[in-house]
Structures are given as structure tokens and as C-alpha cells.
Amino acid sequence: MSKPFSQYLEAVESRLPSTHHRFVRGDLYLTVLDWYTDGVEPHEAAMRIRNAIGE
């Protein structure tokens, strides 16, 4: 990824309902960091989170 991780987090959060933001910066933080280093696009990361939560 060419952008900083903080921008990646914001991009993922912008694609999720506000109720899910706590997962991105909480329980799933290390998972999202792993996706970032693996080159997973923010829209894909958001979709994975929505699918895991069941929405």
C-alpha cells in the first residue's frame, strides 16, 4: 500500500456503518494491519468485516 496506515484505517471506516468503527480500531486492529501489509484494498477489508459481523 502506498498510503500511510492511518489513511487506510480511515478508508476502511468510511465504508462501514459507524457502529462498526470500534472493531477496526479495537478487536480487529491487528487483522486490519495484516490486510494492509498484504495489500488488501480498503473496500475489500470493509466487506470482510461486514461479512464477519453478519451484515
PDB file of N, CA and C in Angstrom:
ATOM      1  N   MET A   1       0.839  -1.182   0.000  1.00  0.00           N
ATOM      2  CA  MET A   1       0.000   0.000   0.000  1.00  0.00           C
ATOM      3  C   MET A   1       0.881   1.241   0.000  1.00  0.00           C
ATOM      4  N   SER A   2       0.484   2.205  -0.762  1.00  0.00           N
ATOM      5  CA  SER A   2       1.292   3.414  -0.875  1.00  0.00           C
ATOM      6  C   SER A   2       0.929   4.482   0.157  1.00  0.00           C
ATOM      7  N   LYS A   3      -0.254   4.395   0.728  1.00  0.00           N
ATOM      8  CA  LYS A   3      -0.645   5.418   1.705  1.00  0.00           C
ATOM      9  C   LYS A   3      -0.355   4.938   3.126  1.00  0.00           C
ATOM     10  N   PRO A   4      -0.231   5.880   4.058  1.00  0.00           N
ATOM     11  CA  PRO A   4       0.024   5.509   5.456  1.00  0.00           C
ATOM     12  C   PRO A   4      -1.127   4.678   6.032  1.00  0.00           C
ATOM     13  N   PHE A   5      -0.792   3.884   7.036  1.00  0.00           N
ATOM     14  CA  PHE A   5      -1.785   3.009   7.655  1.00  0.00           C
ATOM     15  C   PHE A   5      -2.956   3.798   8.223  1.00  0.00           C
ATOM     16  N   SER A   6      -2.706   4.972   8.778  1.00  0.00           N
ATOM     17  CA  SER A   6      -3.802   5.771   9.350  1.00  0.00           C
ATOM     18  C   SER A   6      -4.824   6.142   8.276  1.00  0.00           C
ATOM     19  N   GLN A   7      -4.367   6.438   7.072  1.00  0.00           N
ATOM     20  CA  GLN A   7      -5.287   6.744   5.978  1.00  0.00           C
ATOM     21  C   GLN A   7      -6.039   5.495   5.536  1.00  0.00           C
ATOM     22  N   TYR A   8      -5.367   4.369   5.582  1.00  0.00           N
ATOM     23  CA  TYR A   8      -6.005   3.096   5.253  1.00  0.00           C
ATOM     24  C   TYR A   8      -7.136   2.816   6.243  1.00  0.00           C
ATOM     25  N   LEU A   9      -6.869   3.006   7.546  1.00  0.00           N
ATOM     26  CA  LEU A   9      -7.905   2.802   8.564  1.00  0.00           C
ATOM     27  C   LEU A   9      -9.113   3.694   8.303  1.00  0.00           C
ATOM     28  N   GLU A  10      -8.862   4.944   7.988  1.00  0.00           N
ATOM     29  CA  GLU A  10      -9.952   5.880   7.708  1.00  0.00           C
ATOM     30  C   GLU A  10     -10.740   5.448   6.477  1.00  0.00           C
ATOM     31  N   ALA A  11     -10.051   4.946   5.463  1.00  0.00           N
ATOM     32  CA  ALA A  11     -10.725   4.493   4.248  1.00  0.00           C
ATOM     33  C   ALA A  11     -11.605   3.278   4.528  1.00  0.00           C
ATOM     34  N   VAL A  12     -11.123   2.367   5.351  1.00  0.00           N
ATOM     35  CA  VAL A  12     -11.928   1.198   5.730  1.00  0.00           C
ATOM     36  C   VAL A  12     -13.144   1.656   6.527  1.00  0.00           C
ATOM     37  N   GLU A  13     -12.930   2.515   7.511  1.00  0.00           N
ATOM     38  CA  GLU A  13     -14.033   3.010   8.347  1.00  0.00           C
ATOM     39  C   GLU A  13     -15.083   3.737   7.522  1.00  0.00           C
ATOM     40  N   SER A  14     -14.671   4.469   6.511  1.00  0.00           N
ATOM     41  CA  SER A  14     -15.624   5.239   5.706  1.00  0.00           C
ATOM     42  C   SER A  14     -16.575   4.335   4.931  1.00  0.00           C
ATOM     43  N   ARG A  15     -16.214   3.076   4.789  1.00  0.00           N
ATOM     44  CA  ARG A  15     -17.043   2.121   4.063  1.00  0.00           C
ATOM     45  C   ARG A  15     -17.892   1.247   4.996  1.00  0.00           C
ATOM     46  N   LEU A  16     -17.847   1.560   6.284  1.00  0.00           N
ATOM     47  CA  LEU A  16     -18.591   0.788   7.278  1.00  0.00           C
ATOM     48  C   LEU A  16     -19.563   1.683   8.037  1.00  0.00           C
ATOM     49  N   PRO A  17     -20.637   1.098   8.569  1.00  0.00           N
ATOM     50  CA  PRO A  17     -21.509   1.870   9.456  1.00  0.00           C
ATOM     51  C   PRO A  17     -20.713   2.330  10.680  1.00  0.00           C
ATOM     52  N   SER A  18     -21.077   3.444  11.239  1.00  0.00           N
ATOM     53  CA  SER A  18     -20.332   3.996  12.376  1.00  0.00           C
ATOM     54  C   SER A  18     -20.288   3.032  13.561  1.00  0.00           C
ATOM     55  N   THR A  19     -21.271   2.167  13.678  1.00  0.00           N
ATOM     56  CA  THR A  19     -21.275   1.198  14.774  1.00  0.00           C
ATOM     57  C   THR A  19     -20.158   0.166  14.647  1.00  0.00           C
ATOM     58  N   HIS A  20     -19.576   0.044  13.469  1.00  0.00           N
ATOM     59  CA  HIS A  20     -18.509  -0.937  13.237  1.00  0.00           C
ATOM     60  C   HIS A  20     -17.111  -0.347  13.413  1.00  0.00           C
ATOM     61  N   HIS A  21     -17.012   0.965  13.539  1.00  0.00           N
ATOM     62  CA  HIS A  21     -15.691   1.604  13.642  1.00  0.00           C
ATOM     63  C   HIS A  21     -14.899   1.086  14.838  1.00  0.00           C
ATOM     64  N   ARG A  22     -15.584   0.768  15.916  1.00  0.00           N
ATOM     65  CA  ARG A  22     -14.885   0.295  17.116  1.00  0.00           C
ATOM     66  C   ARG A  22     -14.149  -1.015  16.850  1.00  0.00           C
ATOM     67  N   PHE A  23     -14.653  -1.824  15.928  1.00  0.00           N
ATOM     68  CA  PHE A  23     -13.971  -3.074  15.597  1.00  0.00           C
ATOM     69  C   PHE A  23     -12.660  -2.809  14.865  1.00  0.00           C
ATOM     70  N   VAL A  24     -12.674  -1.821  13.976  1.00  0.00           N
ATOM     71  CA  VAL A  24     -11.485  -1.513  13.173  1.00  0.00           C
ATOM     72  C   VAL A  24     -10.336  -1.057  14.061  1.00  0.00           C
ATOM     73  N   ARG A  25     -10.642  -0.246  15.051  1.00  0.00           N
ATOM     74  CA  ARG A  25      -9.583   0.284  15.924  1.00  0.00           C
ATOM     75  C   ARG A  25      -9.474  -0.479  17.244  1.00  0.00           C
ATOM     76  N   GLY A  26     -10.256  -1.524  17.369  1.00  0.00           N
ATOM     77  CA  GLY A  26     -10.235  -2.321  18.596  1.00  0.00           C
ATOM     78  C   GLY A  26      -9.834  -3.758  18.316  1.00  0.00           C
ATOM     79  N   ASP A  27     -10.818  -4.637  18.400  1.00  0.00           N
ATOM     80  CA  ASP A  27     -10.574  -6.074  18.300  1.00  0.00           C
ATOM     81  C   ASP A  27      -9.938  -6.504  16.977  1.00  0.00           C
ATOM     82  N   LEU A  28     -10.246  -5.818  15.901  1.00  0.00           N
ATOM     83  CA  LEU A  28      -9.731  -6.226  14.585  1.00  0.00           C
ATOM     84  C   LEU A  28      -8.528  -5.414  14.117  1.00  0.00           C
ATOM     85  N   TYR A  29      -7.972  -4.597  14.980  1.00  0.00           N
ATOM     86  CA  TYR A  29      -6.866  -3.709  14.590  1.00  0.00           C
ATOM     87  C   TYR A  29      -5.702  -4.486  13.969  1.00  0.00           C
ATOM     88  N   LEU A  30      -5.259  -5.549  14.622  1.00  0.00           N
ATOM     89  CA  LEU A  30      -4.125  -6.313  14.098  1.00  0.00           C
ATOM     90  C   LEU A  30      -4.487  -7.049  12.812  1.00  0.00           C
ATOM     91  N   THR A  31      -5.735  -7.476  12.700  1.00  0.00           N
ATOM     92  CA  THR A  31      -6.190  -8.108  11.464  1.00  0.00           C
ATOM     93  C   THR A  31      -6.165  -7.106  10.323  1.00  0.00           C
ATOM     94  N   VAL A  32      -6.659  -5.896  10.577  1.00  0.00           N
ATOM     95  CA  VAL A  32      -6.660  -4.854   9.551  1.00  0.00           C
ATOM     96  C   VAL A  32      -5.224  -4.478   9.184  1.00  0.00           C
ATOM     97  N   LEU A  33      -4.346  -4.418  10.155  1.00  0.00           N
ATOM     98  CA  LEU A  33      -2.934  -4.146   9.878  1.00  0.00           C
ATOM     99  C   LEU A  33      -2.343  -5.234   8.978  1.00  0.00           C
ATOM    100  N   ASP A  34      -2.681  -6.469   9.231  1.00  0.00           N
ATOM    101  CA  ASP A  34      -2.217  -7.579   8.399  1.00  0.00           C
ATOM    102  C   ASP A  34      -2.743  -7.440   6.973  1.00  0.00           C
ATOM    103  N   TRP A  35      -4.014  -7.103   6.830  1.00  0.00           N
ATOM    104  CA  TRP A  35      -4.580  -6.899   5.497  1.00  0.00           C
ATOM    105  C   TRP A  35      -3.869  -5.755   4.787  1.00  0.00           C
ATOM    106  N   TYR A  36      -3.577  -4.702   5.517  1.00  0.00           N
ATOM    107  CA  TYR A  36      -2.851  -3.552   4.953  1.00  0.00           C
ATOM    108  C   TYR A  36      -1.500  -3.997   4.401  1.00  0.00           C
ATOM    109  N   THR A  37      -0.749  -4.762   5.182  1.00  0.00           N
ATOM    110  CA  THR A  37       0.579  -5.201   4.731  1.00  0.00           C
ATOM    111  C   THR A  37       0.479  -6.213   3.596  1.00  0.00           C
ATOM    112  N   ASP A  38      -0.644  -6.934   3.514  1.00  0.00           N
ATOM    113  CA  ASP A  38      -0.857  -7.882   2.418  1.00  0.00           C
ATOM    114  C   ASP A  38      -1.387  -7.209   1.154  1.00  0.00           C
ATOM    115  N   GLY A  39      -1.717  -5.920   1.238  1.00  0.00           N
ATOM    116  CA  GLY A  39      -2.185  -5.188   0.065  1.00  0.00           C
ATOM    117  C   GLY A  39      -3.673  -5.297  -0.209  1.00  0.00           C
ATOM    118  N   VAL A  40      -4.444  -5.698   0.793  1.00  0.00           N
ATOM    119  CA  VAL A  40      -5.902  -5.776   0.634  1.00  0.00           C
ATOM    120  C   VAL A  40      -6.452  -4.353   0.552  1.00  0.00           C
ATOM    121  N   GLU A  41      -7.243  -4.095  -0.479  1.00  0.00           N
ATOM    122  CA  GLU A  41      -7.831  -2.765  -0.661  1.00  0.00           C
ATOM    123  C   GLU A  41      -8.838  -2.470   0.451  1.00  0.00           C
ATOM    124  N   PRO A  42      -9.009  -1.186   0.803  1.00  0.00           N
ATOM    125  CA  PRO A  42      -9.937  -0.823   1.882  1.00  0.00           C
ATOM    126  C   PRO A  42     -11.360  -1.336   1.675  1.00  0.00           C
ATOM    127  N   HIS A  43     -11.853  -1.287   0.433  1.00  0.00           N
ATOM    128  CA  HIS A  43     -13.223  -1.754   0.194  1.00  0.00           C
ATOM    129  C   HIS A  43     -13.343  -3.251   0.461  1.00  0.00           C
ATOM    130  N   GLU A  44     -12.303  -4.011   0.150  1.00  0.00           N
ATOM    131  CA  GLU A  44     -12.292  -5.450   0.432  1.00  0.00           C
ATOM    132  C   GLU A  44     -12.232  -5.705   1.942  1.00  0.00           C
ATOM    133  N   ALA A  45     -11.422  -4.937   2.646  1.00  0.00           N
ATOM    134  CA  ALA A  45     -11.326  -5.084   4.101  1.00  0.00           C
ATOM    135  C   ALA A  45     -12.675  -4.793   4.755  1.00  0.00           C
ATOM    136  N   ALA A  46     -13.345  -3.738   4.301  1.00  0.00           N
ATOM    137  CA  ALA A  46     -14.657  -3.392   4.851  1.00  0.00           C
ATOM    138  C   ALA A  46     -15.666  -4.500   4.576  1.00  0.00           C
ATOM    139  N   MET A  47     -15.621  -5.074   3.377  1.00  0.00           N
ATOM    140  CA  MET A  47     -16.531  -6.157   3.037  1.00  0.00           C
ATOM    141  C   MET A  47     -16.274  -7.378   3.923  1.00  0.00           C
ATOM    142  N   ARG A  48     -15.020  -7.682   4.187  1.00  0.00           N
ATOM    143  CA  ARG A  48     -14.688  -8.811   5.063  1.00  0.00           C
ATOM    144  C   ARG A  48     -15.235  -8.588   6.469  1.00  0.00           C
ATOM    145  N   ILE A  49     -15.130  -7.361   6.958  1.00  0.00           N
ATOM    146  CA  ILE A  49     -15.637  -7.051   8.299  1.00  0.00           C
ATOM    147  C   ILE A  49     -17.154  -7.179   8.334  1.00  0.00           C
ATOM    148  N   ARG A  50     -17.822  -6.609   7.329  1.00  0.00           N
ATOM    149  CA  ARG A  50     -19.290  -6.713   7.274  1.00  0.00           C
ATOM    150  C   ARG A  50     -19.730  -8.176   7.215  1.00  0.00           C
ATOM    151  N   ASN A  51     -19.050  -8.975   6.414  1.00  0.00           N
ATOM    152  CA  ASN A  51     -19.404 -10.397   6.306  1.00  0.00           C
ATOM    153  C   ASN A  51     -19.181 -11.130   7.621  1.00  0.00           C
ATOM    154  N   ALA A  52     -18.104 -10.816   8.308  1.00  0.00           N
ATOM    155  CA  ALA A  52     -17.797 -11.480   9.578  1.00  0.00           C
ATOM    156  C   ALA A  52     -18.813 -11.122  10.662  1.00  0.00           C
ATOM    157  N   ILE A  53     -19.280  -9.880  10.630  1.00  0.00           N
ATOM    158  CA  ILE A  53     -20.238  -9.423  11.635  1.00  0.00           C
ATOM    159  C   ILE A  53     -21.652  -9.881  11.284  1.00  0.00           C
ATOM    160  N   GLY A  54     -21.854 -10.188  10.016  1.00  0.00           N
ATOM    161  CA  GLY A  54     -23.151 -10.694   9.599  1.00  0.00           C
ATOM    162  C   GLY A  54     -24.076  -9.642   9.038  1.00  0.00           C
ATOM    163  N   GLU A  55     -23.496  -8.626   8.430  1.00  0.00           N
ATOM    164  CA  GLU A  55     -24.331  -7.572   7.820  1.00  0.00           C
ATOM    165  C   GLU A  55     -24.006  -7.431   6.368  1.00  0.00           C
TER     166      GLU A  55
END
